[in-house]
PDB file of N, CA and C in Angstrom:
ATOM      1  N   PHE A   1     -27.629  -7.719 -15.854  1.00  0.00           N
ATOM      2  CA  PHE A   1     -27.051  -8.902 -16.437  1.00  0.00           C
ATOM      3  C   PHE A   1     -27.034 -10.014 -15.394  1.00  0.00           C
ATOM      4  N   THR A   2     -27.601 -11.158 -15.742  1.00  0.00           N
ATOM      5  CA  THR A   2     -27.633 -12.298 -14.843  1.00  0.00           C
ATOM      6  C   THR A   2     -26.812 -13.428 -15.436  1.00  0.00           C
ATOM      7  N   ALA A   3     -25.843 -13.898 -14.695  1.00  0.00           N
ATOM      8  CA  ALA A   3     -24.992 -14.997 -15.167  1.00  0.00           C
ATOM      9  C   ALA A   3     -25.748 -16.303 -15.117  1.00  0.00           C
ATOM     10  N   SER A   4     -25.403 -17.194 -16.023  1.00  0.00           N
ATOM     11  CA  SER A   4     -25.976 -18.525 -15.991  1.00  0.00           C
ATOM     12  C   SER A   4     -25.368 -19.275 -14.813  1.00  0.00           C
ATOM     13  N   ARG A   5     -26.176 -20.063 -14.102  1.00  0.00           N
ATOM     14  CA  ARG A   5     -25.683 -20.821 -12.955  1.00  0.00           C
ATOM     15  C   ARG A   5     -25.987 -22.295 -13.177  1.00  0.00           C
ATOM     16  N   PRO A   6     -25.037 -23.030 -13.753  1.00  0.00           N
ATOM     17  CA  PRO A   6     -25.288 -24.450 -13.966  1.00  0.00           C
ATOM     18  C   PRO A   6     -25.528 -25.168 -12.644  1.00  0.00           C
ATOM     19  N   VAL A   7     -26.446 -26.110 -12.652  1.00  0.00           N
ATOM     20  CA  VAL A   7     -26.761 -26.859 -11.438  1.00  0.00           C
ATOM     21  C   VAL A   7     -25.826 -28.052 -11.326  1.00  0.00           C
ATOM     22  N   TYR A   8     -25.237 -28.192 -10.174  1.00  0.00           N
ATOM     23  CA  TYR A   8     -24.336 -29.290  -9.855  1.00  0.00           C
ATOM     24  C   TYR A   8     -25.179 -30.543  -9.622  1.00  0.00           C
ATOM     25  N   THR A   9     -24.759 -31.669 -10.118  1.00  0.00           N
ATOM     26  CA  THR A   9     -25.511 -32.913  -9.944  1.00  0.00           C
ATOM     27  C   THR A   9     -25.327 -33.446  -8.535  1.00  0.00           C
ATOM     28  N   CYS A  10     -26.431 -33.659  -7.828  1.00  0.00           N
ATOM     29  CA  CYS A  10     -26.373 -34.172  -6.472  1.00  0.00           C
ATOM     30  C   CYS A  10     -27.590 -35.067  -6.221  1.00  0.00           C
ATOM     31  N   VAL A  11     -27.393 -36.119  -5.435  1.00  0.00           N
ATOM     32  CA  VAL A  11     -28.466 -37.067  -5.155  1.00  0.00           C
ATOM     33  C   VAL A  11     -28.470 -37.331  -3.660  1.00  0.00           C
ATOM     34  N   PRO A  12     -29.573 -37.392  -2.955  1.00  0.00           N
ATOM     35  CA  PRO A  12     -30.910 -37.163  -3.481  1.00  0.00           C
ATOM     36  C   PRO A  12     -31.194 -35.685  -3.563  1.00  0.00           C
ATOM     37  N   THR A  13     -32.133 -35.296  -4.405  1.00  0.00           N
ATOM     38  CA  THR A  13     -32.496 -33.892  -4.481  1.00  0.00           C
ATOM     39  C   THR A  13     -33.758 -33.596  -3.683  1.00  0.00           C
ATOM     40  N   THR A  14     -34.560 -34.616  -3.377  1.00  0.00           N
ATOM     41  CA  THR A  14     -35.717 -34.440  -2.505  1.00  0.00           C
ATOM     42  C   THR A  14     -35.938 -35.701  -1.675  1.00  0.00           C
ATOM     43  N   ALA A  15     -36.531 -35.528  -0.510  1.00  0.00           N
ATOM     44  CA  ALA A  15     -36.848 -36.665   0.352  1.00  0.00           C
ATOM     45  C   ALA A  15     -37.897 -36.224   1.364  1.00  0.00           C
ATOM     46  N   THR A  16     -38.531 -37.186   2.007  1.00  0.00           N
ATOM     47  CA  THR A  16     -39.498 -36.901   3.055  1.00  0.00           C
ATOM     48  C   THR A  16     -39.053 -37.606   4.328  1.00  0.00           C
ATOM     49  N   VAL A  17     -39.121 -36.881   5.447  1.00  0.00           N
ATOM     50  CA  VAL A  17     -38.810 -37.457   6.754  1.00  0.00           C
ATOM     51  C   VAL A  17     -39.997 -37.188   7.672  1.00  0.00           C
ATOM     52  N   THR A  18     -40.176 -38.032   8.677  1.00  0.00           N
ATOM     53  CA  THR A  18     -41.254 -37.853   9.637  1.00  0.00           C
ATOM     54  C   THR A  18     -40.646 -37.545  10.995  1.00  0.00           C
ATOM     55  N   VAL A  19     -41.089 -36.447  11.590  1.00  0.00           N
ATOM     56  CA  VAL A  19     -40.611 -36.024  12.903  1.00  0.00           C
ATOM     57  C   VAL A  19     -41.832 -35.781  13.765  1.00  0.00           C
ATOM     58  N   GLY A  20     -41.923 -36.457  14.907  1.00  0.00           N
ATOM     59  CA  GLY A  20     -43.076 -36.290  15.789  1.00  0.00           C
ATOM     60  C   GLY A  20     -44.388 -36.632  15.114  1.00  0.00           C
ATOM     61  N   GLY A  21     -44.357 -37.584  14.188  1.00  0.00           N
ATOM     62  CA  GLY A  21     -45.565 -38.003  13.486  1.00  0.00           C
ATOM     63  C   GLY A  21     -45.970 -37.086  12.342  1.00  0.00           C
ATOM     64  N   LYS A  22     -45.184 -36.047  12.066  1.00  0.00           N
ATOM     65  CA  LYS A  22     -45.507 -35.101  10.991  1.00  0.00           C
ATOM     66  C   LYS A  22     -44.495 -35.233   9.857  1.00  0.00           C
ATOM     67  N   PRO A  23     -44.980 -35.318   8.610  1.00  0.00           N
ATOM     68  CA  PRO A  23     -44.052 -35.440   7.480  1.00  0.00           C
ATOM     69  C   PRO A  23     -43.489 -34.074   7.052  1.00  0.00           C
ATOM     70  N   TYR A  24     -42.211 -34.057   6.781  1.00  0.00           N
ATOM     71  CA  TYR A  24     -41.517 -32.880   6.259  1.00  0.00           C
ATOM     72  C   TYR A  24     -40.822 -33.297   4.970  1.00  0.00           C
ATOM     73  N   THR A  25     -40.959 -32.479   3.945  1.00  0.00           N
ATOM     74  CA  THR A  25     -40.272 -32.736   2.690  1.00  0.00           C
ATOM     75  C   THR A  25     -39.124 -31.762   2.587  1.00  0.00           C
ATOM     76  N   TRP A  26     -37.964 -32.276   2.212  1.00  0.00           N
ATOM     77  CA  TRP A  26     -36.813 -31.392   2.037  1.00  0.00           C
ATOM     78  C   TRP A  26     -36.204 -31.650   0.673  1.00  0.00           C
ATOM     79  N   GLY A  27     -35.598 -30.615   0.159  1.00  0.00           N
ATOM     80  CA  GLY A  27     -34.930 -30.723  -1.121  1.00  0.00           C
ATOM     81  C   GLY A  27     -33.832 -29.683  -1.205  1.00  0.00           C
ATOM     82  N   TYR A  28     -32.899 -29.924  -2.089  1.00  0.00           N
ATOM     83  CA  TYR A  28     -31.828 -28.949  -2.237  1.00  0.00           C
ATOM     84  C   TYR A  28     -31.360 -28.876  -3.675  1.00  0.00           C
ATOM     85  N   THR A  29     -30.774 -27.737  -4.001  1.00  0.00           N
ATOM     86  CA  THR A  29     -30.096 -27.563  -5.280  1.00  0.00           C
ATOM     87  C   THR A  29     -28.722 -26.989  -4.983  1.00  0.00           C
ATOM     88  N   VAL A  30     -27.783 -27.376  -5.788  1.00  0.00           N
ATOM     89  CA  VAL A  30     -26.424 -26.854  -5.683  1.00  0.00           C
ATOM     90  C   VAL A  30     -26.077 -26.278  -7.042  1.00  0.00           C
ATOM     91  N   SER A  31     -25.701 -25.012  -7.077  1.00  0.00           N
ATOM     92  CA  SER A  31     -25.355 -24.380  -8.350  1.00  0.00           C
ATOM     93  C   SER A  31     -24.045 -23.618  -8.204  1.00  0.00           C
ATOM     94  N   TYR A  32     -23.306 -23.547  -9.292  1.00  0.00           N
ATOM     95  CA  TYR A  32     -22.039 -22.819  -9.282  1.00  0.00           C
ATOM     96  C   TYR A  32     -22.290 -21.319  -9.343  1.00  0.00           C
ATOM     97  N   VAL A  33     -21.380 -20.530  -8.776  1.00  0.00           N
ATOM     98  CA  VAL A  33     -21.470 -19.077  -8.752  1.00  0.00           C
ATOM     99  C   VAL A  33     -20.406 -18.504  -9.690  1.00  0.00           C
ATOM    100  N   ASP A  34     -20.782 -17.524 -10.506  1.00  0.00           N
ATOM    101  CA  ASP A  34     -19.889 -16.898 -11.488  1.00  0.00           C
ATOM    102  C   ASP A  34     -19.001 -15.862 -10.809  1.00  0.00           C
ATOM    103  N   LEU A  35     -17.847 -16.302 -10.281  1.00  0.00           N
ATOM    104  CA  LEU A  35     -16.947 -15.400  -9.554  1.00  0.00           C
ATOM    105  C   LEU A  35     -16.159 -14.468 -10.463  1.00  0.00           C
ATOM    106  N   ASP A  36     -15.818 -14.927 -11.659  1.00  0.00           N
ATOM    107  CA  ASP A  36     -14.988 -14.105 -12.540  1.00  0.00           C
ATOM    108  C   ASP A  36     -15.804 -13.220 -13.485  1.00  0.00           C
ATOM    109  N   ALA A  37     -17.119 -13.182 -13.307  1.00  0.00           N
ATOM    110  CA  ALA A  37     -18.023 -12.329 -14.090  1.00  0.00           C
ATOM    111  C   ALA A  37     -17.913 -12.581 -15.596  1.00  0.00           C
ATOM    112  N   SER A  38     -17.677 -13.840 -15.961  1.00  0.00           N
ATOM    113  CA  SER A  38     -17.578 -14.194 -17.380  1.00  0.00           C
ATOM    114  C   SER A  38     -18.941 -14.375 -18.021  1.00  0.00           C
ATOM    115  N   GLY A  39     -19.991 -14.456 -17.207  1.00  0.00           N
ATOM    116  CA  GLY A  39     -21.337 -14.674 -17.720  1.00  0.00           C
ATOM    117  C   GLY A  39     -21.784 -16.113 -17.584  1.00  0.00           C
ATOM    118  N   THR A  40     -20.839 -16.999 -17.283  1.00  0.00           N
ATOM    119  CA  THR A  40     -21.172 -18.402 -17.062  1.00  0.00           C
ATOM    120  C   THR A  40     -20.383 -18.924 -15.873  1.00  0.00           C
ATOM    121  N   ALA A  41     -21.083 -19.529 -14.939  1.00  0.00           N
ATOM    122  CA  ALA A  41     -20.409 -20.119 -13.788  1.00  0.00           C
ATOM    123  C   ALA A  41     -19.775 -21.429 -14.213  1.00  0.00           C
ATOM    124  N   SER A  42     -18.597 -21.715 -13.690  1.00  0.00           N
ATOM    125  CA  SER A  42     -17.866 -22.910 -14.088  1.00  0.00           C
ATOM    126  C   SER A  42     -17.191 -23.552 -12.889  1.00  0.00           C
ATOM    127  N   GLU A  43     -17.256 -24.873 -12.820  1.00  0.00           N
ATOM    128  CA  GLU A  43     -16.594 -25.602 -11.743  1.00  0.00           C
ATOM    129  C   GLU A  43     -15.086 -25.372 -11.788  1.00  0.00           C
ATOM    130  N   ASN A  44     -14.509 -25.347 -12.972  1.00  0.00           N
ATOM    131  CA  ASN A  44     -13.059 -25.243 -13.104  1.00  0.00           C
ATOM    132  C   ASN A  44     -12.506 -23.852 -12.814  1.00  0.00           C
ATOM    133  N   SER A  45     -13.188 -22.800 -13.263  1.00  0.00           N
ATOM    134  CA  SER A  45     -12.635 -21.459 -13.074  1.00  0.00           C
ATOM    135  C   SER A  45     -13.193 -20.736 -11.852  1.00  0.00           C
ATOM    136  N   ASP A  46     -14.387 -21.088 -11.411  1.00  0.00           N
ATOM    137  CA  ASP A  46     -15.001 -20.356 -10.299  1.00  0.00           C
ATOM    138  C   ASP A  46     -14.907 -21.121  -8.974  1.00  0.00           C
ATOM    139  N   GLY A  47     -15.348 -22.355  -8.946  1.00  0.00           N
ATOM    140  CA  GLY A  47     -15.178 -23.209  -7.770  1.00  0.00           C
ATOM    141  C   GLY A  47     -16.054 -22.898  -6.567  1.00  0.00           C
ATOM    142  N   LEU A  48     -16.928 -21.913  -6.633  1.00  0.00           N
ATOM    143  CA  LEU A  48     -17.809 -21.603  -5.513  1.00  0.00           C
ATOM    144  C   LEU A  48     -19.199 -22.128  -5.835  1.00  0.00           C
ATOM    145  N   LYS A  49     -19.805 -22.817  -4.872  1.00  0.00           N
ATOM    146  CA  LYS A  49     -21.147 -23.352  -5.063  1.00  0.00           C
ATOM    147  C   LYS A  49     -22.111 -22.687  -4.096  1.00  0.00           C
ATOM    148  N   ARG A  50     -23.336 -22.472  -4.568  1.00  0.00           N
ATOM    149  CA  ARG A  50     -24.430 -21.979  -3.736  1.00  0.00           C
ATOM    150  C   ARG A  50     -25.337 -23.167  -3.441  1.00  0.00           C
ATOM    151  N   ILE A  51     -25.634 -23.391  -2.165  1.00  0.00           N
ATOM    152  CA  ILE A  51     -26.478 -24.505  -1.750  1.00  0.00           C
ATOM    153  C   ILE A  51     -27.768 -23.938  -1.170  1.00  0.00           C
ATOM    154  N   ASP A  52     -28.899 -24.306  -1.785  1.00  0.00           N
ATOM    155  CA  ASP A  52     -30.220 -23.898  -1.311  1.00  0.00           C
ATOM    156  C   ASP A  52     -30.921 -25.131  -0.744  1.00  0.00           C
ATOM    157  N   LEU A  53     -31.279 -25.109   0.534  1.00  0.00           N
ATOM    158  CA  LEU A  53     -31.981 -26.208   1.192  1.00  0.00           C
ATOM    159  C   LEU A  53     -33.367 -25.711   1.581  1.00  0.00           C
ATOM    160  N   THR A  54     -34.409 -26.399   1.115  1.00  0.00           N
ATOM    161  CA  THR A  54     -35.781 -26.002   1.422  1.00  0.00           C
ATOM    162  C   THR A  54     -36.491 -27.142   2.151  1.00  0.00           C
ATOM    163  N   VAL A  55     -37.155 -26.806   3.256  1.00  0.00           N
ATOM    164  CA  VAL A  55     -37.968 -27.753   4.014  1.00  0.00           C
ATOM    165  C   VAL A  55     -39.415 -27.278   3.932  1.00  0.00           C
ATOM    166  N   SER A  56     -40.332 -28.197   3.597  1.00  0.00           N
ATOM    167  CA  SER A  56     -41.762 -27.866   3.473  1.00  0.00           C
ATOM    168  C   SER A  56     -42.588 -28.781   4.367  1.00  0.00           C
ATOM    169  N   TRP A  57     -43.729 -28.265   4.831  1.00  0.00           N
ATOM    170  CA  TRP A  57     -44.634 -29.041   5.665  1.00  0.00           C
ATOM    171  C   TRP A  57     -46.031 -28.452   5.532  1.00  0.00           C
ATOM    172  N   THR A  58     -47.038 -29.197   6.002  1.00  0.00           N
ATOM    173  CA  THR A  58     -48.413 -28.703   5.997  1.00  0.00           C
ATOM    174  C   THR A  58     -48.757 -28.239   7.399  1.00  0.00           C
ATOM    175  N   ASP A  59     -49.158 -26.987   7.499  1.00  0.00           N
ATOM    176  CA  ASP A  59     -49.556 -26.404   8.778  1.00  0.00           C
ATOM    177  C   ASP A  59     -50.853 -27.069   9.230  1.00  0.00           C
ATOM    178  N   ALA A  60     -50.867 -27.643  10.441  1.00  0.00           N
ATOM    179  CA  ALA A  60     -52.028 -28.380  10.932  1.00  0.00           C
ATOM    180  C   ALA A  60     -53.241 -27.483  11.173  1.00  0.00           C
ATOM    181  N   VAL A  61     -53.017 -26.241  11.571  1.00  0.00           N
ATOM    182  CA  VAL A  61     -54.126 -25.346  11.871  1.00  0.00           C
ATOM    183  C   VAL A  61     -54.725 -24.747  10.597  1.00  0.00           C
ATOM    184  N   TRP A  62     -53.889 -24.209   9.726  1.00  0.00           N
ATOM    185  CA  TRP A  62     -54.366 -23.513   8.536  1.00  0.00           C
ATOM    186  C   TRP A  62     -54.477 -24.420   7.313  1.00  0.00           C
ATOM    187  N   ARG A  63     -53.991 -25.654   7.432  1.00  0.00           N
ATOM    188  CA  ARG A  63     -54.016 -26.604   6.315  1.00  0.00           C
ATOM    189  C   ARG A  63     -53.373 -26.027   5.061  1.00  0.00           C
ATOM    190  N   ALA A  64     -52.313 -25.274   5.268  1.00  0.00           N
ATOM    191  CA  ALA A  64     -51.581 -24.649   4.162  1.00  0.00           C
ATOM    192  C   ALA A  64     -50.147 -25.158   4.166  1.00  0.00           C
ATOM    193  N   THR A  65     -49.562 -25.236   2.992  1.00  0.00           N
ATOM    194  CA  THR A  65     -48.170 -25.652   2.892  1.00  0.00           C
ATOM    195  C   THR A  65     -47.262 -24.487   3.268  1.00  0.00           C
ATOM    196  N   LYS A  66     -46.336 -24.742   4.150  1.00  0.00           N
ATOM    197  CA  LYS A  66     -45.354 -23.756   4.595  1.00  0.00           C
ATOM    198  C   LYS A  66     -43.975 -24.251   4.182  1.00  0.00           C
ATOM    199  N   SER A  67     -43.030 -23.331   4.045  1.00  0.00           N
ATOM    200  CA  SER A  67     -41.669 -23.741   3.727  1.00  0.00           C
ATOM    201  C   SER A  67     -40.680 -22.693   4.208  1.00  0.00           C
ATOM    202  N   ILE A  68     -39.452 -23.148   4.363  1.00  0.00           N
ATOM    203  CA  ILE A  68     -38.358 -22.267   4.731  1.00  0.00           C
ATOM    204  C   ILE A  68     -37.141 -22.699   3.921  1.00  0.00           C
ATOM    205  N   THR A  69     -36.353 -21.716   3.481  1.00  0.00           N
ATOM    206  CA  THR A  69     -35.162 -22.009   2.680  1.00  0.00           C
ATOM    207  C   THR A  69     -33.939 -21.397   3.350  1.00  0.00           C
ATOM    208  N   ALA A  70     -32.886 -22.194   3.465  1.00  0.00           N
ATOM    209  CA  ALA A  70     -31.598 -21.731   3.968  1.00  0.00           C
ATOM    210  C   ALA A  70     -30.616 -21.769   2.811  1.00  0.00           C
ATOM    211  N   VAL A  71     -29.784 -20.732   2.709  1.00  0.00           N
ATOM    212  CA  VAL A  71     -28.800 -20.645   1.628  1.00  0.00           C
ATOM    213  C   VAL A  71     -27.415 -20.494   2.242  1.00  0.00           C
ATOM    214  N   THR A  72     -26.453 -21.208   1.674  1.00  0.00           N
ATOM    215  CA  THR A  72     -25.072 -21.080   2.107  1.00  0.00           C
ATOM    216  C   THR A  72     -24.160 -21.239   0.892  1.00  0.00           C
ATOM    217  N   MET A  73     -22.895 -20.920   1.055  1.00  0.00           N
ATOM    218  CA  MET A  73     -21.900 -21.029  -0.023  1.00  0.00           C
ATOM    219  C   MET A  73     -20.802 -21.997   0.429  1.00  0.00           C
ATOM    220  N   ARG A  74     -20.202 -22.670  -0.551  1.00  0.00           N
ATOM    221  CA  ARG A  74     -19.102 -23.597  -0.249  1.00  0.00           C
ATOM    222  C   ARG A  74     -18.067 -23.532  -1.367  1.00  0.00           C
ATOM    223  N   THR A  75     -16.802 -23.488  -0.969  1.00  0.00           N
ATOM    224  CA  THR A  75     -15.711 -23.506  -1.959  1.00  0.00           C
ATOM    225  C   THR A  75     -15.275 -24.939  -2.189  1.00  0.00           C
ATOM    226  N   ARG A  76     -14.404 -25.109  -3.158  1.00  0.00           N
ATOM    227  CA  ARG A  76     -13.843 -26.437  -3.403  1.00  0.00           C
ATOM    228  C   ARG A  76     -13.143 -26.966  -2.178  1.00  0.00           C
ATOM    229  N   GLY A  77     -13.098 -28.279  -2.080  1.00  0.00           N
ATOM    230  CA  GLY A  77     -12.308 -28.846  -0.992  1.00  0.00           C
ATOM    231  C   GLY A  77     -13.055 -29.724  -0.073  1.00  0.00           C
TER     232      GLY A  77
END
């Protein structure tokens, strides 16, 4: 059984930055976590958010897109 995880509205959700002359694209999603096992995550009853941050870039040697994702949790407050 997988609970529904509504996505929290956040801006910006994607952007590009240049570091050392190389462009990196980053994006994130924030979704609520179903703490009470009701089947639906809710801001009012659960209050825990999962934050996924992904950074992508093009590898200069292999000319392939690479990415890394970091995940963390945050409570209200």
